[in-house]
Protein backbone atom coordinates (compact mmCIF):
# COMPACT_ATOMS: atom_id res chain seq x y z
CA MET A 1 94.32 162.98 101.43
CA SER A 2 94.40 159.82 103.57
CA THR A 3 90.92 160.64 104.96
CA HIS A 4 89.55 160.93 101.43
CA LEU A 5 91.09 157.58 100.49
CA LEU A 6 89.56 155.90 103.55
CA ASN A 7 86.16 157.45 102.81
CA ARG A 8 86.33 156.33 99.20
CA TRP A 9 87.32 152.79 100.25
CA TYR A 10 84.50 152.68 102.82
CA ARG A 11 81.87 153.87 100.32
CA LYS A 12 83.10 151.36 97.75
CA TYR A 13 82.87 148.27 99.96
CA PHE A 14 80.36 149.16 102.71
CA SER A 15 77.70 151.28 101.03
CA ASP A 16 75.44 148.31 100.17
CA PRO A 17 73.05 147.31 103.03
CA GLU A 18 73.17 143.66 101.95
CA GLY A 19 76.94 143.64 102.40
CA ILE A 20 76.56 145.04 105.93
CA ILE A 21 73.95 142.37 106.76
CA LEU A 22 76.21 139.62 105.43
CA ALA A 23 79.13 140.93 107.52
CA VAL A 24 76.96 141.02 110.67
CA LEU A 25 75.68 137.48 110.09
CA LEU A 26 79.20 136.15 109.54
CA GLY A 27 80.44 137.96 112.62
CA LEU A 28 77.64 136.54 114.77
CA GLY A 29 78.24 133.04 113.45
CA PHE A 30 81.99 133.13 114.13
CA THR A 31 81.41 134.63 117.59
CA VAL A 32 78.95 131.91 118.61
CA VAL A 33 81.32 129.14 117.49
CA ILE A 34 84.34 130.73 119.19
CA LEU A 35 82.56 131.33 122.50
CA PHE A 36 80.38 128.21 122.65
CA GLY A 37 82.23 125.80 120.34
CA GLU A 38 83.22 123.37 123.10
CA MET A 39 79.74 123.38 124.59
CA LEU A 40 78.16 122.82 121.17
CA ALA A 41 80.60 120.08 120.12
CA PRO A 42 77.88 117.34 119.97
CA VAL A 43 75.77 119.65 117.80
CA LEU A 44 78.70 120.35 115.45
CA ALA A 45 79.46 116.63 115.18
CA SER A 46 75.80 115.93 114.43
CA VAL A 47 75.70 118.63 111.74
CA VAL A 48 78.76 117.09 110.06
CA LEU A 49 77.22 113.62 110.07
CA ALA A 50 73.84 114.95 108.88
CA TYR A 51 75.58 116.72 105.98
CA MET A 52 77.32 113.48 105.10
CA LEU A 53 74.08 111.48 105.05
CA ASP A 54 71.78 114.10 103.53
CA GLY A 55 72.94 113.47 99.97
CA LEU A 56 71.83 109.85 100.14
CA VAL A 57 68.51 110.85 101.73
CA THR A 58 67.88 113.35 98.93
CA TRP A 59 68.71 110.70 96.32
CA LEU A 60 66.21 108.27 97.88
CA GLN A 61 63.56 111.00 97.83
CA ARG A 62 64.14 111.44 94.10
CA GLN A 63 63.39 107.74 93.71
CA GLY A 64 59.90 108.30 95.15
CA LEU A 65 60.33 107.71 98.88
CA GLY A 66 58.94 110.06 101.50
CA ARG A 67 61.33 112.07 103.64
CA LEU A 68 60.80 109.99 106.79
CA SER A 69 61.17 106.66 104.95
CA ALA A 70 64.35 107.87 103.24
CA VAL A 71 65.78 109.10 106.55
CA LEU A 72 65.08 105.76 108.26
CA MET A 73 66.65 103.77 105.39
CA VAL A 74 69.84 105.82 105.77
CA PHE A 75 69.84 106.36 109.52
CA ILE A 76 69.44 102.73 110.65
CA PRO A 77 72.47 101.40 108.67
CA PHE A 78 74.44 104.43 109.90
CA VAL A 79 73.72 103.51 113.54
CA VAL A 80 74.63 99.87 112.91
CA LEU A 81 77.91 100.86 111.23
CA THR A 82 78.73 103.27 114.07
CA LEU A 83 78.16 100.55 116.69
CA PHE A 84 80.39 98.19 114.70
CA LEU A 85 83.18 100.77 114.59
CA ILE A 86 82.92 101.53 118.31
CA LEU A 87 82.40 97.99 119.63
CA GLY A 88 84.38 96.10 116.97
CA LEU A 89 87.29 98.19 115.67
CA LEU A 90 87.92 100.56 118.57
CA PRO A 91 88.94 97.79 121.04
CA LEU A 92 91.38 96.43 118.44
CA LEU A 93 92.96 99.86 118.00
CA VAL A 94 93.19 100.33 121.77
CA GLY A 95 94.82 96.90 122.02
CA GLN A 96 97.47 97.82 119.45
CA VAL A 97 98.15 101.13 121.22
CA THR A 98 98.59 99.24 124.52
CA GLN A 99 100.94 96.74 122.89
CA LEU A 100 102.99 99.55 121.35
CA VAL A 101 103.30 101.32 124.72
CA GLN A 102 104.45 98.06 126.34
CA GLU A 103 107.12 97.54 123.67
CA LEU A 104 108.26 101.15 123.74
CA PRO A 105 110.96 100.66 126.44
CA SER A 106 112.63 97.85 124.49
CA MET A 107 112.47 99.93 121.30
CA ILE A 108 114.08 102.86 123.09
CA SER A 109 116.80 100.60 124.53
CA SER A 110 117.53 99.20 121.09
CA GLY A 111 117.62 102.71 119.66
CA GLN A 112 120.09 103.85 122.30
CA GLN A 113 122.41 100.95 121.52
CA ARG A 114 122.33 101.86 117.85
CA LEU A 115 122.99 105.50 118.68
CA LEU A 116 126.09 104.56 120.70
CA ARG A 117 127.55 102.91 117.60
CA LEU A 118 127.17 106.00 115.43
CA PRO A 119 130.39 107.76 116.54
CA GLU A 120 132.35 104.61 115.62
CA LEU A 121 130.68 104.25 112.23
CA TYR A 122 130.55 107.95 111.29
CA PRO A 123 133.18 109.81 113.38
CA GLN A 124 133.22 112.74 110.93
CA LEU A 125 129.49 113.36 111.27
CA ILE A 126 128.63 112.77 114.95
CA SER A 127 130.55 112.85 118.23
CA ASP A 128 130.10 111.09 121.58
CA ALA A 129 128.90 114.33 123.20
CA GLN A 130 126.15 114.73 120.59
CA VAL A 131 124.98 111.15 121.17
CA ILE A 132 124.87 111.69 124.95
CA GLU A 133 122.88 114.90 124.50
CA LEU A 134 120.47 113.16 122.11
CA MET A 135 119.95 110.25 124.54
CA ALA A 136 119.21 112.70 127.36
CA THR A 137 116.61 114.39 125.18
CA ILE A 138 115.03 111.02 124.37
CA ARG A 139 114.89 110.06 128.07
CA SER A 140 113.19 113.35 129.00
CA SER A 141 110.70 112.92 126.16
CA VAL A 142 109.88 109.39 127.33
CA THR A 143 109.40 110.64 130.89
CA LEU A 144 107.05 113.34 129.66
CA LEU A 145 105.15 110.76 127.60
CA GLY A 146 104.75 108.55 130.67
CA GLN A 147 103.39 111.47 132.67
CA ASN A 148 100.90 112.25 129.91
CA VAL A 149 99.76 108.62 129.82
CA VAL A 150 99.20 108.66 133.60
CA SER A 151 97.23 111.91 133.42
CA LEU A 152 95.24 110.50 130.52
CA SER A 153 94.37 107.37 132.51
CA LEU A 154 93.26 109.52 135.47
CA ALA A 155 90.98 111.48 133.15
CA SER A 156 89.64 108.35 131.45
CA LEU A 157 86.53 108.27 133.67
CA ASN A 158 85.49 111.71 132.47
CA GLY A 159 86.27 110.62 128.89
CA VAL A 160 84.02 107.57 129.22
CA PHE A 161 81.24 109.77 130.58
CA MET A 162 81.55 112.17 127.64
CA LEU A 163 81.62 109.24 125.21
CA VAL A 164 78.34 107.95 126.62
CA ILE A 165 76.80 111.41 126.21
CA TYR A 166 77.97 111.58 122.61
CA LEU A 167 76.63 108.09 121.87
CA ILE A 168 73.20 109.17 123.08
CA LEU A 169 72.98 112.76 121.89
CA VAL A 170 74.67 112.61 118.49
CA PRO A 171 72.44 109.91 116.89
CA VAL A 172 69.31 111.67 118.19
CA LEU A 173 70.47 115.03 116.81
CA VAL A 174 71.48 113.48 113.47
CA PHE A 175 68.03 111.90 113.10
CA PHE A 176 66.18 115.16 113.74
CA PHE A 177 68.56 117.21 111.57
CA LEU A 178 67.80 114.84 108.70
CA LYS A 179 64.06 114.53 109.37
CA ASP A 180 63.27 118.20 110.06
CA LYS A 181 65.89 119.88 107.89
CA ALA A 182 63.40 121.97 105.88
CA ALA A 183 61.46 123.08 108.97
CA MET A 184 64.63 124.10 110.82
CA LEU A 185 65.92 126.11 107.86
CA ALA A 186 62.53 127.82 107.45
CA TRP A 187 62.48 128.68 111.18
CA ALA A 188 65.97 130.19 111.03
CA THR A 189 65.13 132.14 107.85
CA ASP A 190 62.18 133.87 109.56
CA TYR A 191 64.59 135.66 111.91
CA LEU A 192 66.81 137.01 109.14
CA PRO A 193 66.40 140.52 107.65
CA ARG A 194 64.57 140.91 104.35
CA GLU A 195 67.63 142.38 102.64
CA ARG A 196 69.46 139.05 102.56
CA ALA A 197 69.77 138.25 98.86
CA LEU A 198 73.58 138.43 99.03
CA ALA A 199 73.70 136.27 102.17
CA ALA A 200 71.31 133.77 100.59
CA ARG A 201 73.46 133.55 97.46
CA VAL A 202 76.60 132.89 99.49
CA TRP A 203 74.71 130.37 101.67
CA LEU A 204 73.41 128.39 98.69
CA GLU A 205 76.91 128.17 97.22
CA MET A 206 78.54 127.20 100.51
CA ASN A 207 75.77 124.76 101.49
CA GLN A 208 76.55 122.67 98.42
CA GLN A 209 80.31 123.15 98.82
CA ILE A 210 80.37 122.08 102.48
CA GLY A 211 78.09 119.10 101.85
CA ASN A 212 80.29 117.88 99.00
CA TYR A 213 83.42 118.49 101.07
CA ILE A 214 82.23 116.55 104.14
CA ARG A 215 81.01 113.58 102.11
CA GLY A 216 84.20 113.59 100.04
CA LYS A 217 86.47 113.91 103.08
CA MET A 218 84.74 111.05 104.94
CA THR A 219 85.01 108.88 101.83
CA GLU A 220 88.68 109.78 101.46
CA ILE A 221 89.40 108.89 105.10
CA MET A 222 87.77 105.47 104.73
CA ILE A 223 89.42 104.62 101.38
CA VAL A 224 92.92 105.76 102.38
CA GLY A 225 92.67 104.10 105.80
CA VAL A 226 91.45 100.74 104.47
CA VAL A 227 93.95 100.67 101.59
CA SER A 228 96.81 101.53 103.94
CA TYR A 229 95.76 98.81 106.39
CA VAL A 230 95.56 96.18 103.62
CA VAL A 231 98.97 97.19 102.23
CA PHE A 232 100.62 97.17 105.66
CA ILE A 233 99.12 93.83 106.67
CA LEU A 234 100.21 92.24 103.37
CA MET A 235 103.74 93.54 103.91
CA GLY A 236 103.81 92.16 107.45
CA LEU A 237 104.23 95.54 109.17
CA ASN A 238 103.50 95.56 112.91
CA TYR A 239 100.55 97.62 114.18
CA ALA A 240 99.04 97.66 110.68
CA MET A 241 95.54 98.60 111.88
CA LEU A 242 96.80 101.44 114.08
CA LEU A 243 99.03 102.83 111.32
CA GLY A 244 96.26 102.45 108.74
CA ALA A 245 93.92 104.46 110.97
CA LEU A 246 96.58 107.16 111.39
CA VAL A 247 97.11 107.38 107.62
CA GLY A 248 93.35 107.65 107.07
CA LEU A 249 92.99 110.42 109.65
CA SER A 250 96.05 112.23 108.31
CA VAL A 251 94.12 113.33 105.20
CA VAL A 252 92.09 115.67 107.44
CA ILE A 253 95.12 117.99 107.52
CA PRO A 254 96.24 118.57 103.90
CA TYR A 255 99.99 118.24 103.24
CA ILE A 256 100.94 118.45 106.94
CA GLY A 257 99.17 115.24 108.01
CA ALA A 258 100.93 113.08 105.43
CA ALA A 259 104.33 114.39 106.50
CA VAL A 260 103.65 113.87 110.22
CA VAL A 261 102.40 110.27 109.85
CA THR A 262 105.52 109.36 107.88
CA LEU A 263 107.52 109.42 111.14
CA PRO A 264 105.69 106.66 113.09
CA ILE A 265 105.54 104.44 109.99
CA ALA A 266 109.27 104.81 109.38
CA ILE A 267 110.13 104.28 113.07
CA ILE A 268 108.07 101.09 113.43
CA ALA A 269 109.39 99.71 110.13
CA TYR A 270 112.96 100.55 111.15
CA PHE A 271 112.75 98.79 114.53
CA GLN A 272 111.08 95.80 112.87
CA TRP A 273 113.51 95.31 109.95
CA GLY A 274 116.34 97.81 110.36
CA LEU A 275 117.66 99.33 107.15
CA GLU A 276 116.89 96.22 105.12
CA ALA A 277 115.02 96.19 101.83
CA GLN A 278 111.66 95.60 103.55
CA PHE A 279 112.00 98.98 105.29
CA GLY A 280 112.42 100.70 101.93
CA TYR A 281 109.45 98.80 100.48
CA VAL A 282 107.17 100.02 103.29
CA VAL A 283 108.27 103.64 102.87
CA LEU A 284 107.85 103.35 99.09
CA ALA A 285 104.37 101.84 99.48
CA TYR A 286 103.34 104.68 101.80
CA ALA A 287 104.68 107.25 99.31
CA ILE A 288 102.68 105.59 96.49
CA ILE A 289 99.50 105.67 98.62
CA GLN A 290 99.98 109.39 99.28
CA ALA A 291 100.71 110.07 95.60
CA LEU A 292 97.57 108.22 94.47
CA ASP A 293 95.53 110.04 97.11
CA GLY A 294 96.75 113.47 96.09
CA ASN A 295 96.75 113.00 92.31
CA LEU A 296 93.86 110.60 91.73
CA LEU A 297 91.48 110.27 94.68
CA VAL A 298 91.32 113.93 95.77
CA PRO A 299 90.64 115.34 92.25
CA TRP A 300 87.92 112.71 91.77
CA LEU A 301 86.19 113.31 95.14
CA PHE A 302 86.53 117.10 95.18
CA SER A 303 86.10 117.91 91.51
CA GLU A 304 83.28 120.36 92.36
CA ALA A 305 85.23 122.17 95.08
CA VAL A 306 86.62 125.63 94.55
CA ASN A 307 90.27 125.46 93.60
CA LEU A 308 92.53 126.89 96.30
CA HIS A 309 96.26 127.49 96.20
CA PRO A 310 98.29 125.19 98.52
CA VAL A 311 99.58 128.24 100.41
CA ALA A 312 95.98 129.35 101.06
CA ILE A 313 95.11 125.86 102.32
CA ILE A 314 98.08 125.73 104.72
CA ILE A 315 97.31 129.23 106.04
CA ALA A 316 93.65 128.24 106.51
CA VAL A 317 94.67 125.11 108.45
CA LEU A 318 96.96 127.13 110.73
CA VAL A 319 94.49 129.98 111.32
CA PHE A 320 91.25 128.04 111.77
CA GLY A 321 93.01 125.21 113.59
CA GLY A 322 94.44 127.72 116.04
CA VAL A 323 90.99 129.22 116.61
CA TRP A 324 88.81 126.09 116.74
CA GLY A 325 91.22 123.21 117.19
CA LEU A 326 90.27 119.94 115.48
CA TRP A 327 87.04 121.34 114.06
CA GLY A 328 88.94 124.26 112.55
CA VAL A 329 91.41 121.87 110.93
CA PHE A 330 88.60 119.70 109.52
CA PHE A 331 86.68 122.68 108.12
CA ALA A 332 89.76 124.69 107.06
CA ILE A 333 89.17 124.17 103.32
CA PRO A 334 85.40 124.95 103.27
CA LEU A 335 86.00 127.96 105.56
CA ALA A 336 88.72 129.21 103.22
CA THR A 337 86.29 128.65 100.35
CA LEU A 338 83.68 130.66 102.29
CA VAL A 339 86.11 133.55 102.67
CA LYS A 340 86.88 133.41 98.95
CA ALA A 341 83.16 133.26 98.03
CA VAL A 342 82.37 136.23 100.28
CA LEU A 343 85.20 138.30 98.79
CA ASN A 344 84.09 137.47 95.25
CA ALA A 345 80.40 138.21 95.95
CA TRP A 346 80.94 141.32 98.08
CA PRO A 347 79.17 144.32 96.50
CA ARG A 348 81.37 147.17 95.28
CA SER A 349 80.12 150.66 94.59
CA GLU A 350 82.09 152.23 91.75
CA GLU A 351 82.30 156.03 91.96
CA ALA A 352 82.01 158.30 88.98
CA PRO A 353 85.29 159.73 87.62
CA GLU A 354 84.09 163.30 88.27
CA GLN A 355 83.50 162.53 91.96
CA GLN A 356 86.92 160.91 92.26
CA ALA A 357 88.55 163.96 90.63
CA ALA A 358 86.67 166.34 92.97
CA GLU A 359 87.77 164.44 96.06
CA ALA A 360 91.35 164.29 94.83
């Protein structure tokens, strides 16, 4: 009986050659990324940036420009903006990180003094032994952080070398991905089997979905980051640029990122003002920014995206992030959408009732 059920299930979902071809192509694609993802990181970064810029190039072409002219009009400002971010904003962020690390010992000392007062203020809730254990945990965490900073500084030379490689390779790859997009797609198509109608249908759907997602996500990062920085600087919060950048990057990880970034914002505001009203205002402002992002900005930017349940999004972030790290986290939603599109488009062979009765 079980053998008949397995045979029936196999014939229903794997009897169509186009479905088999789609499964093989997906398997090859995932295998290449898993095995060579780190090696191909500059290529993946270039593909993401090319997707982000391609919509504007296509719009310029509709206005009557040639492909090369449209690419140059988009690519040159992109390079200028990238140089501004790297040479202008990055040193400021590094400076704020350095300042925060220098002030960390005094913040920890102040925190320990406040912890020692807790058993006097709340003897029913916390004891001296719990405070001592908590302070020991904090000291070990700080020691571990110092060791990580030292190891990071020792590896900084290799990081600078990789940064130089990225600065050279990525713009070149982005330019050619934009300029020769049609030729590259035609070349890749020549190596695909003829029975690829199902794969082509899924590709066309996902090509538009991923392009819209990347452009929307980059726009969301910039808007949320800039708004957060402006709000924090107006409220007088220390390290406003660093915290604004963290809030902007937190939108890459849906739900989880917003919760994680709450901790550094609350800690810095607490050590700056204590439990005064200004601390509550900062936390309230951050909550409003997250509410506006989730209920106004995201529906507007991703109105064409396939609707996914929050549980599916969190599972996708955990699974693809565990497999591909940061890239898996960034592409968790479009990859989950790809899985959903493949399941919806997968061919099914319905058996006749007489055949089902005979097998039963």
